[in-house]
Amino acid sequence: MEFIMSKEIKELSNPGVISRQLLNPDNSKSTRVTITEVHLAKGKE
């Protein structure tokens, strides 16, 4: 199991959309996996 510190999580945003790259090759030993959490404001796609 690998623990990723919150300061190592990249957060990207556009109007009405926030995405957080929880796991990616920059903050993990995994070179082939990216896990992203996406939050959409009401009415956004």
C-alpha atoms as a PDB file:
ATOM      1  CA  MET A   1       0.000   0.000   0.000  1.00  0.00           C
ATOM      2  CA  GLU A   2       1.217   3.463  -0.845  1.00  0.00           C
ATOM      3  CA  PHE A   3       0.271   6.633   1.034  1.00  0.00           C
ATOM      4  CA  ILE A   4       0.048   9.902  -0.890  1.00  0.00           C
ATOM      5  CA  MET A   5       0.324  13.110   1.127  1.00  0.00           C
ATOM      6  CA  SER A   6      -2.297  15.781   0.442  1.00  0.00           C
ATOM      7  CA  LYS A   7       0.420  18.278  -0.516  1.00  0.00           C
ATOM      8  CA  GLU A   8       1.406  15.899  -3.348  1.00  0.00           C
ATOM      9  CA  ILE A   9      -2.075  15.959  -4.924  1.00  0.00           C
ATOM     10  CA  LYS A  10      -2.396  18.275  -7.918  1.00  0.00           C
ATOM     11  CA  GLU A  11      -5.599  20.274  -8.120  1.00  0.00           C
ATOM     12  CA  LEU A  12      -6.731  21.679 -11.447  1.00  0.00           C
ATOM     13  CA  SER A  13      -9.759  23.882 -11.969  1.00  0.00           C
ATOM     14  CA  ASN A  14     -11.900  25.454 -14.642  1.00  0.00           C
ATOM     15  CA  PRO A  15     -15.138  27.374 -14.088  1.00  0.00           C
ATOM     16  CA  GLY A  16     -17.495  24.928 -12.383  1.00  0.00           C
ATOM     17  CA  VAL A  17     -15.045  21.998 -12.457  1.00  0.00           C
ATOM     18  CA  ILE A  18     -12.375  20.967  -9.958  1.00  0.00           C
ATOM     19  CA  SER A  19     -10.258  17.874 -10.561  1.00  0.00           C
ATOM     20  CA  ARG A  20      -7.729  16.399  -8.174  1.00  0.00           C
ATOM     21  CA  GLN A  21      -5.128  13.955  -9.459  1.00  0.00           C
ATOM     22  CA  LEU A  22      -5.010  11.666  -6.451  1.00  0.00           C
ATOM     23  CA  LEU A  23      -2.490   9.265  -7.903  1.00  0.00           C
ATOM     24  CA  ASN A  24      -0.234   9.796 -10.898  1.00  0.00           C
ATOM     25  CA  PRO A  25       3.348   9.021 -11.975  1.00  0.00           C
ATOM     26  CA  ASP A  26       4.581  12.280 -10.392  1.00  0.00           C
ATOM     27  CA  ASN A  27       3.502  11.346  -6.843  1.00  0.00           C
ATOM     28  CA  SER A  28       3.506   7.544  -6.977  1.00  0.00           C
ATOM     29  CA  LYS A  29       5.658   4.555  -7.816  1.00  0.00           C
ATOM     30  CA  SER A  30       2.987   3.601 -10.332  1.00  0.00           C
ATOM     31  CA  THR A  31       3.998   4.705 -13.816  1.00  0.00           C
ATOM     32  CA  ARG A  32       0.918   3.462 -15.673  1.00  0.00           C
ATOM     33  CA  VAL A  33      -2.019   4.594 -13.511  1.00  0.00           C
ATOM     34  CA  THR A  34      -3.687   7.933 -12.870  1.00  0.00           C
ATOM     35  CA  ILE A  35      -6.684   8.275 -10.552  1.00  0.00           C
ATOM     36  CA  THR A  36      -8.568  11.568 -10.704  1.00  0.00           C
ATOM     37  CA  GLU A  37     -11.411  12.832  -8.519  1.00  0.00           C
ATOM     38  CA  VAL A  38     -13.685  15.303 -10.343  1.00  0.00           C
ATOM     39  CA  HIS A  39     -16.230  17.670  -8.776  1.00  0.00           C
ATOM     40  CA  LEU A  40     -18.762  19.410 -11.022  1.00  0.00           C
ATOM     41  CA  ALA A  41     -20.839  22.389 -10.017  1.00  0.00           C
ATOM     42  CA  LYS A  42     -24.571  21.974 -10.404  1.00  0.00           C
ATOM     43  CA  GLY A  43     -25.516  22.237 -14.090  1.00  0.00           C
ATOM     44  CA  LYS A  44     -22.002  21.601 -15.426  1.00  0.00           C
ATOM     45  CA  GLU A  45     -21.000  18.687 -17.658  1.00  0.00           C
END
